[in-house]
Amino acid sequence: MIEIVPAIDLIDGKCVRLTQGDYTQKKVYNQNPLEVAKSFEAAGIRRLHLVDLDGAKAQHIVNYRVLHSIAAHTSLMIDFGGGVKTDADLRIAFDNGASMITGGSIAVKDPETFRRWISDYGSDRIILGSDVKDGMIALSGWTETSSLELSTFIAGYRAKGIAQVICTDISRDGMMHGPAVELYQSLLKQFPGLYLIASGGVSCMKDIITLQEAGVPAVITGKAIYEGKITLEEISELMNYS
């Protein structure tokens, strides 16, 4: 069964969504992220993808209080990302209740530190964030594009023991035009056994089922839930059916 991981993206402590990673295309969906997280938990969801967009822009964790609140008041396993750039940021994330952290920009800009995190904390707690734009890795909240090709980037960290990769196709993120199924199938073929978490473009339950049929282990979805295109009842039904 595919694991469905709802996303909460944070700006100013509020639950928001961007379109294609553009901070100027921001929509606030809820003033209270804890309320949103509790609704996910009540639907039987076990894992949450929590992204500090302020942190991604500021290059250090900003919304750690929201992380702490959700961790303290739900049993959700929280994958936290955005602004985790230093050992101090990592400690803040874990001390405030993150079960896992996702590193994207740091894996590009400071690979020595990121490799050490994998070694020190293990592949069950450190996730590689692979945000891709036109086949190349994007970073810093998608405000920069690197010269790193996606497959080469993942291969390097697979060799260092990374087991989970979140792959976001920025061109599809927030557009709800469907996920990049062929991209994910290609990655799974290149990297057997990879716990690949698809992100971007999910518009309805049919998209999730298509990913499941393609063998994708997990999917992150945000805007489709907030826009009512996917209901928590539908997610519960799929989990119970599977």
Protein backbone atom coordinates (compact mmCIF):
# COMPACT_ATOMS: atom_id res chain seq x y z
CA MET A 1 0.00 0.00 0.00
CA ILE A 2 1.26 3.47 -0.83
CA GLU A 3 1.87 5.66 2.21
CA ILE A 4 -0.04 8.95 2.00
CA VAL A 5 1.80 11.81 3.71
CA PRO A 6 -0.08 15.11 4.00
CA ALA A 7 1.99 18.28 3.91
CA ILE A 8 1.77 21.38 6.04
CA ASP A 9 3.82 24.28 4.70
CA LEU A 10 4.47 27.11 7.15
CA ILE A 11 4.83 30.86 6.65
CA ASP A 12 4.39 33.15 9.67
CA GLY A 13 3.21 30.14 11.64
CA LYS A 14 0.26 29.61 9.29
CA CYS A 15 -0.66 26.73 7.01
CA VAL A 16 -0.06 27.89 3.42
CA ARG A 17 0.61 26.54 -0.05
CA LEU A 18 2.77 28.02 -2.77
CA THR A 19 2.43 27.46 -6.50
CA GLN A 20 5.58 26.11 -8.16
CA GLY A 21 7.61 27.21 -5.14
CA ASP A 22 6.86 30.89 -5.78
CA TYR A 23 6.64 32.84 -2.52
CA THR A 24 4.59 35.52 -4.27
CA GLN A 25 1.93 32.92 -5.10
CA LYS A 26 0.96 32.16 -1.52
CA LYS A 27 -2.44 31.10 -0.23
CA VAL A 28 -3.22 30.81 3.48
CA TYR A 29 -5.46 27.82 4.21
CA ASN A 30 -5.52 27.78 8.00
CA GLN A 31 -4.25 30.02 10.77
CA ASN A 32 -3.80 27.00 13.06
CA PRO A 33 -1.50 24.23 11.77
CA LEU A 34 -2.10 22.15 14.91
CA GLU A 35 -5.80 22.01 14.07
CA VAL A 36 -4.92 20.74 10.59
CA ALA A 37 -2.48 18.17 11.98
CA LYS A 38 -5.11 16.87 14.41
CA SER A 39 -7.58 16.40 11.55
CA PHE A 40 -4.98 14.29 9.73
CA GLU A 41 -4.37 12.21 12.84
CA ALA A 42 -8.11 11.69 13.34
CA ALA A 43 -8.32 10.29 9.79
CA GLY A 44 -5.79 7.60 10.66
CA ILE A 45 -2.80 9.24 9.01
CA ARG A 46 0.48 8.44 10.74
CA ARG A 47 3.06 10.67 9.08
CA LEU A 48 3.25 14.40 8.39
CA HIS A 49 5.55 16.36 6.10
CA LEU A 50 6.10 19.72 7.82
CA VAL A 51 7.95 22.37 5.85
CA ASP A 52 9.29 25.62 7.30
CA LEU A 53 9.16 27.88 4.26
CA ASP A 54 10.31 30.85 6.33
CA GLY A 55 13.27 28.74 7.38
CA ALA A 56 14.08 27.71 3.83
CA LYS A 57 14.24 31.38 2.86
CA ALA A 58 16.09 32.54 5.99
CA GLN A 59 18.60 29.64 5.87
CA HIS A 60 17.83 28.62 9.46
CA ILE A 61 14.87 27.12 11.31
CA VAL A 62 12.14 29.67 12.08
CA ASN A 63 8.88 27.84 12.85
CA TYR A 64 10.18 25.41 15.49
CA ARG A 65 7.39 26.37 17.91
CA VAL A 66 4.80 25.02 15.48
CA LEU A 67 6.82 21.80 15.18
CA HIS A 68 6.89 21.50 18.97
CA SER A 69 3.16 22.12 19.26
CA ILE A 70 2.23 19.46 16.71
CA ALA A 71 4.69 16.94 18.16
CA ALA A 72 3.41 17.55 21.69
CA HIS A 73 -0.29 17.32 20.88
CA THR A 74 -0.42 14.55 18.24
CA SER A 75 1.18 11.14 17.74
CA LEU A 76 2.13 11.95 14.13
CA MET A 77 5.57 10.98 12.93
CA ILE A 78 6.89 14.32 11.68
CA ASP A 79 9.29 14.69 8.79
CA PHE A 80 10.56 18.26 9.12
CA GLY A 81 12.32 20.29 6.46
CA GLY A 82 13.17 23.87 5.63
CA GLY A 83 16.05 25.81 7.11
CA VAL A 84 17.96 22.82 8.49
CA LYS A 85 21.47 23.96 7.58
CA THR A 86 23.66 23.40 10.65
CA ASP A 87 24.16 20.99 13.53
CA ALA A 88 22.35 23.52 15.71
CA ASP A 89 19.34 23.52 13.36
CA LEU A 90 19.31 19.74 13.42
CA ARG A 91 19.28 19.69 17.21
CA ILE A 92 16.46 22.26 17.29
CA ALA A 93 14.38 20.08 14.95
CA PHE A 94 14.92 16.87 16.91
CA ASP A 95 14.59 18.60 20.31
CA ASN A 96 11.23 20.01 19.24
CA GLY A 97 9.80 16.66 18.19
CA ALA A 98 10.83 15.91 14.62
CA SER A 99 11.08 12.18 13.97
CA MET A 100 13.04 12.80 10.78
CA ILE A 101 14.53 15.74 8.95
CA THR A 102 14.73 16.34 5.23
CA GLY A 103 17.86 17.99 3.90
CA GLY A 104 17.92 19.41 0.40
CA SER A 105 19.99 22.57 0.06
CA ILE A 106 22.54 21.42 2.63
CA ALA A 107 23.03 18.16 0.74
CA VAL A 108 24.11 20.30 -2.23
CA LYS A 109 26.01 23.09 -0.49
CA ASP A 110 27.57 21.23 2.43
CA PRO A 111 27.71 17.54 1.50
CA GLU A 112 30.32 16.77 4.18
CA THR A 113 27.92 17.82 6.95
CA PHE A 114 24.97 16.02 5.38
CA ARG A 115 26.97 12.81 4.97
CA ARG A 116 27.96 13.05 8.64
CA TRP A 117 24.31 13.39 9.63
CA ILE A 118 23.49 10.20 7.70
CA SER A 119 26.32 8.41 9.48
CA ASP A 120 25.49 9.79 12.96
CA TYR A 121 21.69 9.58 12.91
CA GLY A 122 21.01 6.81 10.40
CA SER A 123 19.00 6.55 7.22
CA ASP A 124 15.74 6.17 9.15
CA ARG A 125 16.04 9.74 10.48
CA ILE A 126 17.74 11.60 7.63
CA ILE A 127 15.87 12.02 4.33
CA LEU A 128 17.29 13.40 1.11
CA GLY A 129 15.20 16.17 -0.42
CA SER A 130 15.53 16.17 -4.21
CA ASP A 131 13.65 19.11 -5.63
CA VAL A 132 13.97 19.04 -9.39
CA LYS A 133 13.42 21.63 -12.09
CA ASP A 134 14.05 20.66 -15.72
CA GLY A 135 16.05 17.66 -14.55
CA MET A 136 18.34 19.69 -12.29
CA ILE A 137 18.36 20.01 -8.50
CA ALA A 138 16.82 23.20 -7.09
CA LEU A 139 17.54 24.54 -3.64
CA SER A 140 16.98 27.30 -1.05
CA GLY A 141 13.21 27.04 -1.13
CA TRP A 142 13.41 26.58 -4.92
CA THR A 143 14.84 30.07 -5.41
CA GLU A 144 18.06 28.64 -6.92
CA THR A 145 18.83 25.97 -9.52
CA SER A 146 22.06 24.00 -9.22
CA SER A 147 24.19 22.32 -11.88
CA LEU A 148 23.50 18.88 -10.35
CA GLU A 149 21.56 16.34 -12.37
CA LEU A 150 18.88 14.52 -10.36
CA SER A 151 20.02 10.92 -10.87
CA THR A 152 23.66 11.77 -10.18
CA PHE A 153 22.63 13.57 -7.00
CA ILE A 154 20.60 10.63 -5.69
CA ALA A 155 23.24 8.08 -6.70
CA GLY A 156 25.89 9.89 -4.68
CA TYR A 157 23.85 9.74 -1.50
CA ARG A 158 22.60 6.20 -2.08
CA ALA A 159 26.24 5.22 -1.95
CA LYS A 160 26.44 6.93 1.45
CA GLY A 161 23.47 4.99 2.80
CA ILE A 162 20.49 7.24 2.19
CA ALA A 163 17.29 5.18 2.07
CA GLN A 164 14.48 7.72 1.74
CA VAL A 165 14.23 10.38 -0.95
CA ILE A 166 11.51 12.99 -1.39
CA CYS A 167 11.43 13.96 -5.06
CA THR A 168 9.44 17.06 -5.93
CA ASP A 169 8.89 18.10 -9.52
CA ILE A 170 8.65 21.87 -9.07
CA SER A 171 6.95 22.37 -12.42
CA ARG A 172 3.99 20.37 -11.09
CA ASP A 173 3.95 21.50 -7.48
CA GLY A 174 0.71 23.24 -6.57
CA MET A 175 -0.57 22.94 -10.14
CA MET A 176 -2.68 19.79 -9.54
CA HIS A 177 -2.05 18.61 -13.11
CA GLY A 178 -0.96 15.14 -12.07
CA PRO A 179 2.33 13.75 -10.71
CA ALA A 180 5.48 12.98 -12.70
CA VAL A 181 4.82 9.23 -12.84
CA GLU A 182 7.39 8.49 -15.55
CA LEU A 183 10.09 10.31 -13.59
CA TYR A 184 9.37 8.25 -10.47
CA GLN A 185 9.27 4.99 -12.42
CA SER A 186 12.64 5.84 -13.92
CA LEU A 187 14.13 6.56 -10.49
CA LEU A 188 12.76 3.33 -9.01
CA LYS A 189 14.28 1.40 -11.91
CA GLN A 190 17.65 3.09 -11.37
CA PHE A 191 17.57 2.69 -7.59
CA PRO A 192 15.93 -0.60 -6.56
CA GLY A 193 14.78 -0.64 -2.96
CA LEU A 194 14.71 3.14 -2.64
CA TYR A 195 11.88 4.46 -0.45
CA LEU A 196 10.85 7.13 -2.94
CA ILE A 197 8.33 9.71 -1.78
CA ALA A 198 6.63 11.41 -4.72
CA SER A 199 5.69 15.06 -4.37
CA GLY A 200 4.04 17.60 -6.64
CA GLY A 201 1.03 17.62 -8.92
CA VAL A 202 -1.34 15.28 -7.07
CA SER A 203 -4.88 16.42 -7.87
CA CYS A 204 -7.17 13.55 -6.88
CA MET A 205 -7.27 10.02 -5.49
CA LYS A 206 -6.85 8.64 -9.00
CA ASP A 207 -3.37 10.20 -9.09
CA ILE A 208 -2.47 8.47 -5.84
CA ILE A 209 -3.75 5.12 -7.09
CA THR A 210 -1.76 5.58 -10.31
CA LEU A 211 1.38 6.13 -8.26
CA GLN A 212 0.57 3.07 -6.16
CA GLU A 213 0.15 0.97 -9.29
CA ALA A 214 3.50 2.30 -10.55
CA GLY A 215 5.15 0.94 -7.41
CA VAL A 216 5.85 4.29 -5.75
CA PRO A 217 6.17 3.64 -1.99
CA ALA A 218 4.83 6.98 -0.71
CA VAL A 219 3.29 10.26 -1.82
CA ILE A 220 3.07 13.74 -0.33
CA THR A 221 -0.07 15.72 -1.00
CA GLY A 222 -1.12 19.13 0.24
CA LYS A 223 -3.06 21.47 -1.99
CA ALA A 224 -5.45 18.77 -3.23
CA ILE A 225 -6.53 18.18 0.37
CA TYR A 226 -6.88 21.86 1.19
CA GLU A 227 -8.84 22.51 -2.00
CA GLY A 228 -11.20 19.60 -1.27
CA LYS A 229 -10.10 17.57 -4.30
CA ILE A 230 -9.04 14.76 -1.96
CA THR A 231 -10.97 14.20 1.25
CA LEU A 232 -9.64 12.70 4.45
CA GLU A 233 -12.48 10.18 4.19
CA GLU A 234 -11.13 9.00 0.82
CA ILE A 235 -7.66 8.63 2.30
CA SER A 236 -9.07 6.60 5.20
CA GLU A 237 -11.00 4.38 2.81
CA LEU A 238 -7.90 3.65 0.72
CA MET A 239 -5.84 2.83 3.79
CA ASN A 240 -8.54 0.55 5.17
CA TYR A 241 -9.16 -1.09 1.78
CA SER A 242 -5.48 -1.73 1.19
